[in-house]
Amino acid sequence: MNHIEFKYLIKNAKYETKYEALISTRDDSIYGYEALSKFEISNEIINTEDVFRKLHHNNKLFFELEKRNKELQVNNFYEDKKLFLNFDADIVNSFEQKNYWEQFLKNCNKNVVVEITENGSDDEKSMEIIHDFSTWLNNKGINSALDDFAKEGSMFSFYLMDKSKYIKVDKSFLKQIKKRPNYIEYIRGILKTIKLNGQFSIIEGVELKEDYNFAKEIGFDYMQGYLFNDLVIIR
């Protein structure tokens, strides 16, 4: 697929967002929702990460697409809960982009948490850009969540961890613990550090009752995954 074809497909794709619940381990109440994006092209659901990976090479199209997506995600959210929005640092890079998103987040009148994602960037400066984005959010007083913590291939950074109010532990950690029970000591240490820092922990990928029980027993603050069917879908 060449650049022109890809640009046409993205601009004309059907857009869908799902709001996935984040559940309190304390009392099973809904704490907030994460807005998840899907693209449908020719009646086929396209992997979002694949789309974003290609968009990293076209910043203008990436920015325009995310302006549309985030506007829909905010405008169609009617719950009196926190709204977690995924942001790739590459679309909050230039002065124009930072100014747009600052006004957008200030005017959206929602209790928003910005999730810092990587989405497959292969740019050598990606870590510098992510650091700058994290600092910018912190300076603007915008709460952030560090997404995909401990995911294989992700970039670990004490700097990013320190700047984030929420630490989202990737679902792969649950699978690793089942294979290597000794890894549970890693998560105990991480959770202790998060609490000492006055931050909040979220475990992703809770799909089974045993995952649910583990999240409660080990001491996560919140949990998220397909076990909880409270999904709101907007087309």
Protein backbone atom coordinates (compact mmCIF):
# COMPACT_ATOMS: atom_id res chain seq x y z
CA MET A 1 0.00 0.00 0.00
CA ASN A 2 1.51 3.35 -1.04
CA HIS A 3 1.32 6.62 0.87
CA ILE A 4 -1.66 8.02 -1.07
CA GLU A 5 -3.69 4.82 -0.68
CA PHE A 6 -2.97 4.65 3.05
CA LYS A 7 -3.93 8.32 3.55
CA TYR A 8 -7.21 7.78 1.69
CA LEU A 9 -8.08 4.64 3.66
CA ILE A 10 -7.37 6.26 7.03
CA LYS A 11 -9.40 9.37 6.25
CA ASN A 12 -12.36 7.28 5.07
CA ALA A 13 -12.22 4.49 7.61
CA LYS A 14 -15.13 3.86 9.95
CA TYR A 15 -14.15 4.83 13.46
CA GLU A 16 -15.21 3.06 16.62
CA THR A 17 -14.35 3.72 20.24
CA LYS A 18 -14.94 1.44 23.21
CA TYR A 19 -14.87 2.51 26.83
CA GLU A 20 -13.34 -0.23 28.97
CA ALA A 21 -13.98 -0.08 32.70
CA LEU A 22 -11.29 0.24 35.37
CA ILE A 23 -12.44 -1.51 38.53
CA SER A 24 -11.47 -0.76 42.13
CA THR A 25 -9.97 -3.79 43.90
CA ARG A 26 -11.29 -2.41 47.18
CA ASP A 27 -15.02 -2.63 46.48
CA ASP A 28 -15.40 -3.62 42.77
CA SER A 29 -16.82 -0.18 41.90
CA ILE A 30 -16.08 1.43 38.53
CA TYR A 31 -13.30 3.98 38.95
CA GLY A 32 -13.07 5.16 35.35
CA TYR A 33 -12.94 4.13 31.70
CA GLU A 34 -10.22 3.87 29.08
CA ALA A 35 -11.17 4.94 25.57
CA LEU A 36 -9.97 2.36 23.03
CA SER A 37 -9.81 3.04 19.29
CA LYS A 38 -10.68 0.72 16.42
CA PHE A 39 -10.61 1.31 12.67
CA GLU A 40 -12.81 -0.53 10.20
CA ILE A 41 -11.74 -0.60 6.55
CA SER A 42 -13.71 -2.64 3.99
CA ASN A 43 -15.58 -4.38 6.82
CA GLU A 44 -12.31 -5.55 8.40
CA ILE A 45 -11.05 -4.40 11.79
CA ILE A 46 -7.49 -3.12 11.36
CA ASN A 47 -4.99 -3.55 14.19
CA THR A 48 -4.70 -0.12 15.81
CA GLU A 49 -0.99 -0.52 16.55
CA ASP A 50 -0.31 -1.25 12.87
CA VAL A 51 -2.14 1.93 11.88
CA PHE A 52 -0.25 4.05 14.42
CA ARG A 53 3.07 2.50 13.40
CA LYS A 54 2.53 3.71 9.85
CA LEU A 55 1.28 7.09 11.03
CA HIS A 56 4.56 7.73 12.84
CA HIS A 57 5.98 8.50 9.40
CA ASN A 58 3.28 11.07 8.64
CA ASN A 59 3.01 13.42 11.60
CA LYS A 60 0.50 15.76 9.96
CA LEU A 61 -1.97 12.95 9.17
CA PHE A 62 -1.38 11.38 12.61
CA PHE A 63 -2.15 14.68 14.35
CA GLU A 64 -5.29 15.33 12.29
CA LEU A 65 -6.57 11.81 12.86
CA GLU A 66 -6.06 11.99 16.62
CA LYS A 67 -7.75 15.39 16.81
CA ARG A 68 -10.85 13.75 15.37
CA ASN A 69 -10.55 10.63 17.50
CA LYS A 70 -10.03 12.40 20.82
CA GLU A 71 -12.89 14.80 20.13
CA LEU A 72 -15.24 11.86 19.54
CA GLN A 73 -13.95 10.02 22.61
CA VAL A 74 -14.57 13.02 24.86
CA ASN A 75 -17.87 14.18 23.35
CA ASN A 76 -19.44 10.70 23.54
CA PHE A 77 -18.41 10.03 27.13
CA TYR A 78 -21.28 10.66 29.53
CA GLU A 79 -20.12 8.88 32.68
CA ASP A 80 -19.24 10.83 35.81
CA LYS A 81 -15.95 8.93 36.05
CA LYS A 82 -12.33 9.42 35.09
CA LEU A 83 -11.63 9.14 31.37
CA PHE A 84 -8.27 7.66 30.37
CA LEU A 85 -7.19 8.86 26.91
CA ASN A 86 -4.26 7.28 25.04
CA PHE A 87 -1.80 9.85 23.72
CA ASP A 88 1.24 9.18 21.59
CA ALA A 89 3.98 11.72 22.35
CA ASP A 90 4.65 12.25 18.63
CA ILE A 91 1.38 14.18 18.23
CA VAL A 92 2.25 16.53 21.13
CA ASN A 93 5.63 17.59 19.82
CA SER A 94 5.50 20.93 18.01
CA PHE A 95 4.40 24.25 19.50
CA GLU A 96 1.19 24.13 17.44
CA GLN A 97 0.35 20.64 18.66
CA LYS A 98 1.07 21.41 22.32
CA ASN A 99 -1.03 24.54 22.16
CA TYR A 100 -3.94 22.64 20.57
CA TRP A 101 -3.91 19.81 23.11
CA GLU A 102 -3.52 22.15 26.06
CA GLN A 103 -6.67 24.01 25.04
CA PHE A 104 -8.47 20.77 24.20
CA LEU A 105 -7.77 19.21 27.59
CA LYS A 106 -8.57 22.45 29.39
CA ASN A 107 -11.93 22.85 27.62
CA CYS A 108 -13.18 19.25 27.52
CA ASN A 109 -14.78 19.51 31.00
CA LYS A 110 -14.04 15.87 31.74
CA ASN A 111 -11.93 14.29 34.46
CA VAL A 112 -9.21 13.21 32.03
CA VAL A 113 -6.07 11.16 32.63
CA VAL A 114 -3.58 11.11 29.72
CA GLU A 115 -2.11 7.66 29.07
CA ILE A 116 1.42 7.89 27.69
CA THR A 117 1.79 5.24 24.98
CA GLU A 118 4.55 4.25 22.56
CA ASN A 119 2.53 2.57 19.80
CA GLY A 120 5.51 1.11 18.00
CA SER A 121 7.59 4.20 17.28
CA ASP A 122 10.94 3.35 15.70
CA ASP A 123 12.26 6.90 15.87
CA GLU A 124 15.68 7.10 17.54
CA LYS A 125 14.50 10.23 19.35
CA SER A 126 11.31 8.60 20.62
CA MET A 127 12.47 8.41 24.26
CA GLU A 128 13.48 12.08 24.22
CA ILE A 129 10.08 12.99 22.78
CA ILE A 130 8.26 10.88 25.39
CA HIS A 131 10.30 12.46 28.20
CA ASP A 132 9.46 15.92 26.90
CA PHE A 133 5.77 15.00 26.70
CA SER A 134 5.79 13.67 30.27
CA THR A 135 7.45 16.85 31.53
CA TRP A 136 4.96 18.99 29.61
CA LEU A 137 2.00 17.15 31.16
CA ASN A 138 3.52 17.52 34.61
CA ASN A 139 4.15 21.24 34.15
CA LYS A 140 0.57 21.79 32.95
CA GLY A 141 -0.86 19.93 35.94
CA ILE A 142 -2.37 17.21 33.74
CA ASN A 143 -2.58 13.79 35.39
CA SER A 144 -0.90 11.02 33.42
CA ALA A 145 -0.71 7.23 33.40
CA LEU A 146 2.34 5.27 32.25
CA ASP A 147 0.96 2.57 29.97
CA ASP A 148 2.29 -0.96 29.34
CA PHE A 149 4.71 -1.02 32.28
CA ALA A 150 6.84 -4.22 32.13
CA LYS A 151 5.66 -5.07 28.61
CA GLU A 152 8.27 -6.94 26.59
CA GLY A 153 10.11 -4.51 24.34
CA SER A 154 8.84 -1.40 26.13
CA MET A 155 11.22 1.27 27.36
CA PHE A 156 11.53 1.39 31.14
CA SER A 157 12.34 4.76 32.64
CA PHE A 158 12.44 5.85 36.27
CA TYR A 159 11.88 9.39 34.96
CA LEU A 160 8.57 8.48 33.30
CA MET A 161 7.51 6.37 36.26
CA ASP A 162 8.20 9.25 38.64
CA LYS A 163 6.18 11.75 36.57
CA SER A 164 3.06 9.58 36.28
CA LYS A 165 0.20 9.47 38.76
CA TYR A 166 -0.90 6.03 37.56
CA ILE A 167 1.28 3.03 36.65
CA LYS A 168 -0.45 0.51 34.40
CA VAL A 169 1.24 -2.90 34.61
CA ASP A 170 1.00 -4.74 31.29
CA LYS A 171 -1.09 -7.90 30.98
CA SER A 172 2.02 -9.88 30.02
CA PHE A 173 3.11 -9.73 33.68
CA LEU A 174 0.19 -11.97 34.69
CA LYS A 175 1.29 -14.56 32.14
CA GLN A 176 4.91 -14.38 33.28
CA ILE A 177 3.95 -14.91 36.92
CA LYS A 178 2.03 -18.05 36.00
CA LYS A 179 5.14 -19.42 34.27
CA ARG A 180 7.64 -18.18 36.86
CA PRO A 181 6.04 -17.79 40.32
CA ASN A 182 9.19 -16.15 41.71
CA TYR A 183 8.37 -13.09 39.58
CA ILE A 184 5.69 -12.27 42.11
CA GLU A 185 8.44 -10.69 44.23
CA TYR A 186 9.09 -8.18 41.44
CA ILE A 187 5.51 -7.01 41.52
CA ARG A 188 5.50 -6.79 45.31
CA GLY A 189 8.46 -4.41 45.13
CA ILE A 190 6.91 -2.36 42.31
CA LEU A 191 3.61 -2.00 44.18
CA LYS A 192 5.40 -0.97 47.37
CA THR A 193 7.33 1.71 45.45
CA ILE A 194 4.15 2.99 43.78
CA LYS A 195 2.39 3.33 47.14
CA LEU A 196 5.38 5.06 48.75
CA ASN A 197 5.38 7.55 45.87
CA GLY A 198 1.70 8.35 46.43
CA GLN A 199 0.79 6.89 43.03
CA PHE A 200 -1.84 4.36 41.96
CA SER A 201 -1.38 0.94 40.36
CA ILE A 202 -3.52 -0.65 37.64
CA ILE A 203 -3.17 -4.22 36.39
CA GLU A 204 -4.24 -4.82 32.79
CA GLY A 205 -5.42 -8.04 31.17
CA VAL A 206 -7.65 -9.40 33.94
CA GLU A 207 -9.47 -12.13 32.04
CA LEU A 208 -9.93 -14.97 34.55
CA LYS A 209 -11.30 -15.20 38.09
CA GLU A 210 -7.80 -16.19 39.26
CA ASP A 211 -6.45 -12.94 37.77
CA TYR A 212 -9.16 -11.05 39.65
CA ASN A 213 -8.27 -12.77 42.93
CA PHE A 214 -4.56 -12.17 42.39
CA ALA A 215 -5.05 -8.45 41.71
CA LYS A 216 -6.94 -8.10 45.00
CA GLU A 217 -4.61 -10.25 47.08
CA ILE A 218 -1.35 -8.71 45.87
CA GLY A 219 -2.55 -5.16 46.43
CA PHE A 220 -3.24 -3.43 43.11
CA ASP A 221 -5.43 -0.35 43.38
CA TYR A 222 -7.38 -0.96 40.16
CA MET A 223 -7.81 -3.67 37.54
CA GLN A 224 -8.87 -3.75 33.91
CA GLY A 225 -9.65 -6.50 31.41
CA TYR A 226 -12.17 -8.62 29.54
CA LEU A 227 -13.47 -10.22 32.74
CA PHE A 228 -15.43 -7.03 33.25
CA ASN A 229 -18.07 -6.70 30.55
CA ASP A 230 -19.07 -3.12 31.35
CA LEU A 231 -18.21 -1.75 27.90
CA VAL A 232 -19.78 1.28 26.26
CA ILE A 233 -19.47 1.26 22.46
CA ILE A 234 -19.81 4.35 20.27
CA ARG A 235 -19.71 4.26 16.47
